[in-house]
Protein backbone atom coordinates (compact mmCIF):
# COMPACT_ATOMS: atom_id res chain seq x y z
CA MET A 1 -27.05 112.19 -23.58
CA ARG A 2 -31.17 111.34 -24.08
CA SER A 3 -30.92 112.21 -27.78
CA ALA A 4 -27.84 109.35 -27.78
CA LEU A 5 -29.92 106.75 -26.07
CA ASP A 6 -32.83 107.26 -27.70
CA GLY A 7 -30.47 106.57 -30.88
CA GLN A 8 -30.02 103.10 -29.36
CA LEU A 9 -32.92 101.93 -28.36
CA GLN A 10 -34.29 102.26 -31.34
CA LEU A 11 -31.38 100.38 -32.71
CA LEU A 12 -32.14 97.54 -29.86
CA ASN A 13 -35.78 97.62 -30.69
CA ARG A 14 -34.77 97.10 -35.07
CA GLU A 15 -32.54 94.13 -33.55
CA LEU A 16 -35.25 92.80 -31.71
CA LEU A 17 -37.42 93.07 -34.54
CA GLU A 18 -34.67 91.06 -36.94
CA MET A 19 -34.45 88.25 -34.16
CA GLY A 20 -38.02 87.76 -34.72
CA ALA A 21 -38.61 87.65 -37.81
CA LEU A 22 -35.66 84.97 -38.04
CA ILE A 23 -37.46 82.31 -35.40
CA GLU A 24 -40.64 83.23 -37.35
CA GLN A 25 -39.12 82.40 -40.29
CA SER A 26 -37.32 79.67 -37.80
CA ILE A 27 -40.65 78.26 -37.03
CA GLY A 28 -42.22 78.48 -39.98
CA SER A 29 -39.74 76.05 -41.96
CA ALA A 30 -39.77 73.54 -39.30
CA THR A 31 -43.70 73.49 -39.08
CA ARG A 32 -43.74 73.12 -43.23
CA ALA A 33 -40.95 70.25 -42.87
CA LEU A 34 -43.67 68.37 -40.69
CA THR A 35 -46.55 69.23 -42.87
CA GLU A 36 -44.71 68.63 -45.91
CA ARG A 37 -42.27 66.26 -45.06
CA ASP A 38 -39.90 68.36 -46.90
CA VAL A 39 -36.18 68.01 -45.89
CA ASP A 40 -34.94 71.43 -47.50
CA ALA A 41 -37.80 73.03 -45.25
CA ALA A 42 -35.49 71.44 -42.10
CA ASN A 43 -32.65 72.25 -43.04
CA ALA A 44 -33.61 75.90 -43.63
CA ALA A 45 -35.11 75.78 -40.09
CA ILE A 46 -31.96 74.78 -38.70
CA GLU A 47 -29.57 77.29 -41.26
CA PHE A 48 -31.99 80.05 -39.59
CA ASP A 49 -31.25 79.04 -36.00
CA ARG A 50 -26.75 79.47 -36.41
CA GLU A 51 -28.48 83.36 -37.78
CA VAL A 52 -30.64 83.64 -34.62
CA ASP A 53 -27.52 82.48 -32.31
CA ARG A 54 -25.24 85.11 -33.70
CA LYS A 55 -27.98 88.27 -33.73
CA GLU A 56 -28.61 87.06 -29.78
CA ARG A 57 -25.12 87.24 -29.65
CA ASP A 58 -25.55 90.51 -30.72
CA ILE A 59 -28.63 92.16 -28.94
CA GLU A 60 -26.60 91.18 -25.34
CA ALA A 61 -23.25 92.71 -26.28
CA LEU A 62 -26.09 96.03 -27.48
CA CYS A 63 -27.80 95.78 -23.99
CA LEU A 64 -24.57 95.62 -21.68
CA LYS A 65 -23.61 98.70 -23.79
CA LEU A 66 -26.38 100.31 -22.78
CA LEU A 67 -26.32 99.55 -19.10
CA LEU A 68 -22.57 100.45 -18.79
CA GLN A 69 -22.63 103.64 -20.33
CA GLN A 70 -25.95 105.21 -20.37
CA GLN A 71 -26.92 103.34 -16.92
CA PRO A 72 -30.61 103.68 -17.70
CA VAL A 73 -33.68 104.02 -15.36
CA ALA A 74 -37.14 103.48 -14.36
CA ARG A 75 -38.98 103.04 -18.62
CA ASP A 76 -35.53 102.59 -20.76
CA LEU A 77 -34.11 100.25 -17.43
CA ARG A 78 -37.03 97.97 -18.18
CA GLN A 79 -37.11 98.26 -21.58
CA ILE A 80 -33.67 96.85 -21.78
CA SER A 81 -34.00 93.86 -19.00
CA ALA A 82 -37.19 92.77 -20.99
CA ALA A 83 -34.74 92.92 -24.02
CA LEU A 84 -32.37 90.47 -22.32
CA LYS A 85 -34.77 88.85 -21.24
CA MET A 86 -36.85 87.94 -24.48
CA ILE A 87 -33.89 87.01 -26.67
CA THR A 88 -32.50 84.30 -24.34
CA ASP A 89 -36.38 82.57 -25.20
CA MET A 90 -36.13 83.57 -28.46
CA GLU A 91 -32.92 81.83 -28.77
CA ARG A 92 -34.26 78.57 -27.04
CA ILE A 93 -36.80 78.84 -29.30
CA GLY A 94 -34.84 78.74 -32.50
CA ASP A 95 -33.43 76.03 -30.68
CA GLN A 96 -36.31 73.76 -30.16
CA ALA A 97 -37.66 74.91 -33.93
CA ALA A 98 -34.30 73.29 -35.33
CA ASP A 99 -34.87 70.13 -32.86
CA ILE A 100 -38.32 69.88 -34.89
CA ALA A 101 -36.51 69.52 -37.79
CA GLY A 102 -33.54 67.27 -36.88
CA LEU A 103 -36.36 65.15 -36.44
CA VAL A 104 -38.39 65.36 -39.36
CA ILE A 105 -35.14 64.37 -41.48
CA TYR A 106 -35.05 61.45 -38.94
CA LEU A 107 -38.52 61.09 -39.68
CA ALA A 108 -37.84 61.73 -43.50
CA GLY A 109 -37.41 57.63 -44.85
CA ALA A 110 -40.29 56.64 -42.29
CA PRO A 111 -43.84 55.61 -43.60
CA ALA A 112 -45.69 58.27 -42.51
CA MET A 113 -48.60 58.37 -39.67
CA LYS A 114 -52.17 59.67 -40.39
CA GLU A 115 -52.31 60.73 -36.34
CA MET A 116 -50.99 64.26 -37.70
CA ALA A 117 -54.62 66.40 -37.21
CA HIS A 118 -53.85 67.90 -33.42
CA LEU A 119 -49.78 67.83 -34.01
CA ILE A 120 -50.44 70.57 -36.82
CA ASN A 121 -52.86 72.45 -34.41
CA MET A 122 -50.32 72.35 -32.00
CA ALA A 123 -47.91 73.58 -34.31
CA ASN A 124 -49.83 76.22 -35.80
CA ALA A 125 -51.19 77.36 -32.12
CA ALA A 126 -47.66 77.91 -31.02
CA THR A 127 -46.18 80.06 -33.95
CA ARG A 128 -49.89 82.36 -33.64
CA MET A 129 -48.19 82.81 -29.77
CA VAL A 130 -44.91 83.49 -31.08
CA SER A 131 -45.98 85.75 -33.54
CA ARG A 132 -48.48 88.07 -31.33
CA SER A 133 -45.49 87.90 -28.33
CA LEU A 134 -43.61 89.82 -30.88
CA ASP A 135 -45.92 91.33 -32.43
CA ALA A 136 -47.55 92.73 -28.54
CA TYR A 137 -44.25 94.06 -27.61
CA VAL A 138 -43.30 95.95 -31.45
CA ARG A 139 -46.92 97.94 -30.81
CA ARG A 140 -46.46 98.13 -26.56
CA ASP A 141 -49.71 96.47 -26.68
CA LEU A 142 -50.56 94.80 -23.48
CA GLU A 143 -54.06 93.20 -23.78
CA LEU A 144 -52.25 91.65 -26.94
CA ALA A 145 -49.68 90.39 -23.98
CA ARG A 146 -51.81 89.00 -22.27
CA ARG A 147 -53.68 86.97 -24.56
CA VAL A 148 -51.02 85.56 -25.79
CA ILE A 149 -50.24 84.45 -22.21
CA GLU A 150 -53.46 83.11 -21.67
CA MET A 151 -53.20 81.34 -24.92
CA ASP A 152 -50.94 78.79 -23.22
CA ASP A 153 -53.47 76.52 -21.65
CA GLU A 154 -54.42 75.95 -25.61
CA ILE A 155 -51.18 74.51 -25.97
CA ASP A 156 -51.35 72.77 -23.44
CA ALA A 157 -54.54 71.39 -24.42
CA LEU A 158 -53.51 70.05 -27.92
CA PHE A 159 -50.53 68.32 -26.49
CA GLY A 160 -52.90 66.03 -24.14
CA ASP A 161 -54.46 65.59 -27.38
CA VAL A 162 -51.68 64.97 -29.69
CA ARG A 163 -50.40 62.20 -26.71
CA SER A 164 -53.56 60.72 -27.17
CA ASP A 165 -53.91 59.99 -30.27
CA LEU A 166 -50.33 58.85 -30.08
CA ILE A 167 -50.72 56.16 -27.28
CA ALA A 168 -53.88 55.12 -29.25
CA ALA A 169 -51.86 54.70 -32.34
CA ILE A 170 -49.43 52.14 -30.49
CA ARG A 171 -52.27 50.24 -28.97
CA ALA A 172 -53.11 49.74 -32.46
CA ASP A 173 -49.87 49.20 -34.06
CA ALA A 174 -46.87 48.42 -31.97
CA ASP A 175 -45.05 48.99 -34.82
CA CYS A 176 -45.66 52.39 -35.20
CA GLY A 177 -43.83 52.78 -31.46
CA GLU A 178 -40.81 54.75 -32.43
CA ARG A 179 -42.21 57.00 -34.80
CA ALA A 180 -45.01 57.86 -32.04
CA ILE A 181 -42.15 58.78 -29.21
CA ASP A 182 -40.05 61.22 -32.25
CA LEU A 183 -43.74 62.60 -32.60
CA MET A 184 -44.08 62.74 -29.20
CA MET A 185 -41.09 64.84 -29.37
CA ILE A 186 -41.76 67.35 -31.88
CA ALA A 187 -45.48 68.00 -30.17
CA LYS A 188 -43.31 68.19 -26.56
CA TYR A 189 -40.87 70.73 -27.95
CA PHE A 190 -44.29 73.11 -29.82
CA GLU A 191 -45.33 72.76 -26.17
CA ARG A 192 -41.76 74.14 -24.89
CA ILE A 193 -42.08 76.86 -28.32
CA GLY A 194 -45.38 78.10 -26.44
CA ASP A 195 -44.33 77.93 -23.12
CA HIS A 196 -41.56 80.69 -24.28
CA ALA A 197 -43.71 82.68 -26.04
CA GLN A 198 -45.70 83.10 -22.71
CA ASN A 199 -42.54 83.98 -21.39
CA ILE A 200 -41.95 86.99 -23.88
CA ALA A 201 -45.16 87.89 -22.95
CA GLU A 202 -44.68 88.11 -20.19
CA TRP A 203 -41.75 90.44 -20.06
CA VAL A 204 -43.34 92.88 -22.97
CA GLU A 205 -45.97 93.40 -20.28
CA TYR A 206 -42.78 94.02 -17.61
CA ALA A 207 -41.50 96.50 -19.86
CA ILE A 208 -45.10 98.53 -19.70
CA THR A 209 -45.77 98.29 -16.33
CA GLY A 210 -42.60 97.42 -14.43
CA ARG A 211 -45.01 94.49 -12.95
CA HIS A 212 -43.43 90.86 -13.42
CA LYS A 213 -43.46 87.51 -11.79
CA GLY A 214 -40.38 86.92 -9.64
CA ALA A 215 -39.45 90.22 -10.85
CA TYR A 216 -38.87 94.18 -9.39
CA PRO A 217 -40.89 96.96 -10.20
CA VAL A 218 -38.81 99.41 -11.61
């Protein structure tokens, strides 16, 4: 019985790693699309999101099978419960990367704006948060998970910088207003990606310690 559960938990771990790789590729493609105005990269991000959705359904089915057939307790139950929560955040990260890609495609024919430095920094910071939250899960690294949680303040500060940049741009040239609003939406999507990476890190902490805001200890 124990060996069967261990084997399925190892499969769950592999499936989560594969989903994590997909969302990292999706964000990477969306960020490249933004920085290089690359429509092909934007389309790739959208395609990765479809694969992320399929992987979420597979992992959800595996988790439910484990819960129903193996009746796990303690640490095993925490691992499965955390996985169910994590895949929701991972799927939403894929959605937001696809949303960014869609806006990049829409903006591809418009003149470029120079107010991009803080937005690119924000994209890179969000990417780091996602990558490190997944590393924390793989390595069961509690300290890394907690550092990811703290990084959300950096994303929030950069969002404020992007907003200030774009407001100044609109004041200087009202004709760029629509493009600025689209870039603000892109920044908002990166902020949400950071929030979801923070959530993943919090569920990693729960899987390790049994402690989570709003969760009952197991």
